């Protein structure tokens, strides 16, 4: 079984910024006593480099079905406009991973819903073994102490960060973001106050990609790109709209 992630890809200038931020934060975490499990752009878990990305939907499929996921993602992306993304704030996730969050817009919500509609049927009801934090997905579903909305989404979709109703309520769970590092100690929190303004992490995202996942939500095995075809829409009109996808992000590829 293969766990795959359908992601939004960053344009080159944001890809470079994400690598630089990951360098900065992983060095700071190491000095602070809780090193990161990964650094963006470096190989991880005997796989490829950890690619900066925005997760839209994760699912488990047989290895022989990955091509069908790529085909469905490409068919979807070919009919969609490029996505405008505006960096809004930094925040730690519940296990201490520093993340850059984008302003959640109608375009982000529509994109995720389109991805789920196109790809979720290929899951055929199967569950991923674990979530990015290493928790058993079946165990989370069966744990009555967990958030009921989370359990319901895992049961219905196999994934628990979906916005069903964009109203701030229980099922409004999608918050587009880039994970920059992941501390070994889940209680550790690194200072994020002196990072560049999150608003500088803005631009036009040129497409989607399909990746095989490693631990801690990393995308390390590139299965295919899916470029958007249309003119960007949204609230920000700068960035790289050339359509060049950066889904092979690594220092080695850039001569480092």
Protein backbone atom coordinates (compact mmCIF):
# COMPACT_ATOMS: atom_id res chain seq x y z
CA UNK A 1 0.00 0.00 0.00
CA UNK A 2 1.23 3.50 -0.86
CA UNK A 3 0.28 6.66 1.00
CA UNK A 4 0.06 9.54 -1.44
CA UNK A 5 -0.46 13.26 -1.01
CA UNK A 6 -2.10 15.52 -3.59
CA UNK A 7 -0.43 18.87 -3.04
CA UNK A 8 -0.35 22.43 -4.32
CA UNK A 9 3.12 23.22 -5.65
CA UNK A 10 4.99 26.44 -4.85
CA UNK A 11 6.52 28.72 -7.49
CA UNK A 12 10.32 28.83 -7.54
CA UNK A 13 10.72 31.96 -5.39
CA UNK A 14 8.50 30.55 -2.61
CA UNK A 15 10.16 27.16 -2.92
CA UNK A 16 13.53 28.86 -2.31
CA UNK A 17 12.11 30.83 0.61
CA UNK A 18 10.69 27.67 2.20
CA UNK A 19 14.09 25.96 1.96
CA UNK A 20 15.77 28.98 3.57
CA UNK A 21 13.20 29.13 6.38
CA UNK A 22 13.60 25.41 7.02
CA UNK A 23 17.39 25.84 7.21
CA UNK A 24 16.99 28.65 9.71
CA UNK A 25 14.47 26.85 11.89
CA UNK A 26 16.17 23.45 11.90
CA UNK A 27 19.46 25.07 12.95
CA UNK A 28 17.66 26.95 15.71
CA UNK A 29 15.87 23.80 16.87
CA UNK A 30 19.13 21.85 17.01
CA UNK A 31 20.78 24.56 19.09
CA UNK A 32 17.69 24.68 21.32
CA UNK A 33 17.95 20.97 22.12
CA UNK A 34 15.20 19.45 19.98
CA UNK A 35 16.47 18.84 16.44
CA UNK A 36 14.05 18.50 13.56
CA UNK A 37 13.26 15.11 12.07
CA UNK A 38 13.74 16.60 8.60
CA UNK A 39 14.99 19.64 6.71
CA UNK A 40 13.22 20.70 3.53
CA UNK A 41 15.30 19.93 0.46
CA UNK A 42 17.24 17.10 2.10
CA UNK A 43 16.64 13.37 1.52
CA UNK A 44 14.64 11.62 4.25
CA UNK A 45 13.82 8.03 5.19
CA UNK A 46 15.98 6.62 2.38
CA UNK A 47 13.74 8.42 -0.10
CA UNK A 48 13.97 11.65 -2.06
CA UNK A 49 14.31 15.21 -0.80
CA UNK A 50 11.53 16.66 1.36
CA UNK A 51 9.62 18.95 -1.01
CA UNK A 52 7.91 22.14 0.23
CA UNK A 53 4.20 21.77 -0.48
CA UNK A 54 0.63 22.46 0.64
CA UNK A 55 -1.26 19.25 1.35
CA UNK A 56 -4.78 19.08 -0.08
CA UNK A 57 -5.70 15.42 0.33
CA UNK A 58 -3.94 12.25 1.52
CA UNK A 59 -5.04 8.72 0.71
CA UNK A 60 -3.89 5.11 0.66
CA UNK A 61 -3.85 3.18 -2.63
CA UNK A 62 -2.14 0.14 -4.03
CA UNK A 63 1.14 0.86 -5.80
CA UNK A 64 -0.46 -0.22 -9.07
CA UNK A 65 -3.14 2.47 -8.60
CA UNK A 66 -0.78 5.45 -8.26
CA UNK A 67 -0.89 6.11 -12.00
CA UNK A 68 -4.67 6.45 -11.80
CA UNK A 69 -4.31 9.05 -9.03
CA UNK A 70 -1.82 11.00 -11.14
CA UNK A 71 -4.12 10.83 -14.18
CA UNK A 72 -7.13 12.05 -12.18
CA UNK A 73 -5.11 14.90 -10.69
CA UNK A 74 -3.80 15.99 -14.11
CA UNK A 75 -7.26 15.91 -15.65
CA UNK A 76 -8.57 18.08 -12.82
CA UNK A 77 -5.72 20.60 -12.85
CA UNK A 78 -5.92 21.06 -16.61
CA UNK A 79 -9.29 22.76 -16.19
CA UNK A 80 -8.35 25.00 -13.27
CA UNK A 81 -6.80 28.49 -13.04
CA UNK A 82 -3.49 29.04 -11.25
CA UNK A 83 -4.00 29.68 -7.55
CA UNK A 84 -3.14 32.93 -5.78
CA UNK A 85 -1.65 32.34 -2.32
CA UNK A 86 -1.10 34.99 0.36
CA UNK A 87 1.01 34.22 3.39
CA UNK A 88 -0.82 35.23 6.56
CA UNK A 89 0.89 33.94 9.73
CA UNK A 90 3.28 31.43 11.28
CA UNK A 91 2.07 28.93 13.87
CA UNK A 92 3.10 25.67 15.50
CA UNK A 93 0.96 22.61 14.91
CA UNK A 94 -0.15 20.55 17.94
CA UNK A 95 3.16 18.63 18.02
CA UNK A 96 5.40 21.68 17.73
CA UNK A 97 6.09 21.76 13.99
CA UNK A 98 6.52 25.36 12.73
CA UNK A 99 4.25 26.11 9.79
CA UNK A 100 3.51 29.01 7.43
CA UNK A 101 -0.24 29.48 6.89
CA UNK A 102 -1.88 31.06 3.87
CA UNK A 103 -4.97 33.22 3.99
CA UNK A 104 -7.88 30.84 3.53
CA UNK A 105 -9.92 31.97 0.53
CA UNK A 106 -12.82 30.69 -1.52
CA UNK A 107 -10.29 29.61 -4.15
CA UNK A 108 -8.45 27.39 -1.68
CA UNK A 109 -11.72 25.85 -0.50
CA UNK A 110 -12.90 25.22 -4.05
CA UNK A 111 -9.57 23.66 -4.99
CA UNK A 112 -9.62 21.21 -2.11
CA UNK A 113 -13.22 20.25 -2.78
CA UNK A 114 -12.39 19.61 -6.44
CA UNK A 115 -9.40 17.45 -5.49
CA UNK A 116 -11.45 15.40 -3.04
CA UNK A 117 -14.23 14.88 -5.59
CA UNK A 118 -11.76 13.76 -8.25
CA UNK A 119 -9.47 11.56 -6.20
CA UNK A 120 -11.26 10.27 -3.09
CA UNK A 121 -13.21 7.56 -4.99
CA UNK A 122 -9.86 5.93 -5.85
CA UNK A 123 -9.32 5.31 -2.14
CA UNK A 124 -12.07 2.67 -2.21
CA UNK A 125 -12.66 3.05 1.51
CA UNK A 126 -9.11 2.19 2.54
CA UNK A 127 -7.39 3.99 5.41
CA UNK A 128 -3.83 5.20 5.73
CA UNK A 129 -1.90 3.31 8.41
CA UNK A 130 -0.96 6.50 10.28
CA UNK A 131 -1.46 10.24 10.17
CA UNK A 132 1.57 12.57 9.76
CA UNK A 133 2.16 12.55 13.52
CA UNK A 134 2.43 8.75 13.50
CA UNK A 135 -0.95 8.07 15.10
CA UNK A 136 -2.93 5.06 13.88
CA UNK A 137 -5.79 6.33 11.72
CA UNK A 138 -7.96 3.35 12.64
CA UNK A 139 -7.11 4.01 16.29
CA UNK A 140 -8.14 7.66 16.01
CA UNK A 141 -11.47 6.67 14.48
CA UNK A 142 -12.08 4.22 17.30
CA UNK A 143 -11.06 6.60 20.11
CA UNK A 144 -14.16 8.28 21.63
CA UNK A 145 -11.93 10.89 23.28
CA UNK A 146 -11.00 12.34 19.87
CA UNK A 147 -12.81 15.30 18.32
CA UNK A 148 -16.03 13.89 16.81
CA UNK A 149 -15.64 15.97 13.64
CA UNK A 150 -12.13 14.63 13.15
CA UNK A 151 -13.30 11.05 13.61
CA UNK A 152 -16.18 11.63 11.20
CA UNK A 153 -13.91 13.02 8.50
CA UNK A 154 -11.44 10.15 8.88
CA UNK A 155 -14.34 7.74 8.53
CA UNK A 156 -15.93 9.48 5.55
CA UNK A 157 -12.85 10.67 3.63
CA UNK A 158 -9.87 8.89 5.17
CA UNK A 159 -8.45 12.37 5.82
CA UNK A 160 -9.26 14.83 8.58
CA UNK A 161 -8.30 18.32 7.35
CA UNK A 162 -11.22 19.06 5.05
CA UNK A 163 -13.51 22.08 5.05
CA UNK A 164 -17.04 20.80 4.53
CA UNK A 165 -18.72 24.01 5.71
CA UNK A 166 -16.57 27.14 5.54
CA UNK A 167 -18.02 28.73 8.64
CA UNK A 168 -15.43 28.31 11.39
CA UNK A 169 -17.42 25.40 12.79
CA UNK A 170 -16.57 21.82 13.58
CA UNK A 171 -16.17 20.65 9.96
CA UNK A 172 -14.15 23.69 8.83
CA UNK A 173 -10.80 21.90 9.21
CA UNK A 174 -8.72 22.83 6.14
CA UNK A 175 -6.06 25.49 6.73
CA UNK A 176 -3.58 25.65 3.82
CA UNK A 177 0.00 25.72 5.08
CA UNK A 178 3.62 24.70 4.49
CA UNK A 179 5.30 22.68 7.24
CA UNK A 180 8.88 23.91 7.65
CA UNK A 181 10.34 21.49 10.24
CA UNK A 182 9.25 18.94 12.87
CA UNK A 183 10.84 18.72 16.34
CA UNK A 184 11.80 15.41 17.90
CA UNK A 185 10.23 16.62 21.17
CA UNK A 186 6.51 17.30 20.52
CA UNK A 187 6.42 19.69 23.50
CA UNK A 188 9.21 21.87 22.08
CA UNK A 189 8.31 25.26 20.60
CA UNK A 190 10.82 27.37 18.68
CA UNK A 191 10.57 31.17 18.54
CA UNK A 192 8.85 32.31 15.35
CA UNK A 193 8.55 36.03 16.12
CA UNK A 194 11.64 37.19 14.20
CA UNK A 195 10.90 35.41 10.92
CA UNK A 196 10.28 37.49 7.77
CA UNK A 197 6.71 38.80 7.52
CA UNK A 198 4.40 35.99 6.47
CA UNK A 199 2.87 38.29 3.86
CA UNK A 200 6.15 38.07 1.91
CA UNK A 201 5.39 34.37 1.38
CA UNK A 202 2.90 35.15 -1.38
CA UNK A 203 2.62 34.39 -5.08
CA UNK A 204 0.89 32.40 -7.81
CA UNK A 205 0.93 28.62 -7.42
CA UNK A 206 1.32 26.96 -10.82
CA UNK A 207 -0.18 23.54 -10.25
CA UNK A 208 -0.64 20.35 -8.31
CA UNK A 209 1.58 17.31 -7.83
CA UNK A 210 1.23 13.77 -6.51
CA UNK A 211 3.80 12.52 -4.01
CA UNK A 212 4.50 9.41 -2.02
CA UNK A 213 4.76 10.29 1.66
CA UNK A 214 7.31 9.51 4.33
CA UNK A 215 6.97 10.18 8.05
CA UNK A 216 5.97 13.54 9.56
CA UNK A 217 3.93 14.56 6.53
CA UNK A 218 6.97 14.76 4.28
CA UNK A 219 6.62 14.44 0.51
CA UNK A 220 9.66 12.52 -0.72
CA UNK A 221 8.70 10.41 -3.77
CA UNK A 222 7.56 12.40 -6.77
CA UNK A 223 4.95 10.59 -8.89
CA UNK A 224 3.80 13.35 -11.23
CA UNK A 225 3.05 17.02 -11.87
CA UNK A 226 -0.33 18.47 -12.80
CA UNK A 227 -0.07 22.05 -14.14
CA UNK A 228 -2.94 24.49 -13.94
CA UNK A 229 -3.96 25.86 -17.31
CA UNK A 230 -5.97 29.00 -16.60
CA UNK A 231 -5.25 32.63 -15.73
CA UNK A 232 -4.77 33.19 -11.97
CA UNK A 233 -7.73 34.38 -9.94
CA UNK A 234 -7.78 35.60 -6.37
CA UNK A 235 -6.59 38.48 -4.22
CA UNK A 236 -2.90 38.76 -5.11
CA UNK A 237 -1.53 39.46 -8.56
CA UNK A 238 2.23 38.97 -8.35
CA UNK A 239 4.55 35.98 -8.35
CA UNK A 240 5.69 33.38 -10.82
CA UNK A 241 2.89 32.39 -13.17
CA UNK A 242 5.09 30.71 -15.76
CA UNK A 243 3.63 27.28 -15.06
CA UNK A 244 7.01 25.82 -14.09
CA UNK A 245 6.43 23.29 -11.35
CA UNK A 246 9.02 22.89 -8.60
CA UNK A 247 8.10 19.45 -7.36
CA UNK A 248 11.69 18.18 -7.20
CA UNK A 249 12.92 20.65 -4.59
CA UNK A 250 16.40 19.83 -3.36
CA UNK A 251 19.72 21.49 -2.78
CA UNK A 252 21.43 18.87 -4.91
CA UNK A 253 19.32 19.82 -7.93
CA UNK A 254 20.38 23.44 -7.49
CA UNK A 255 24.09 22.71 -7.25
CA UNK A 256 24.30 23.00 -3.45
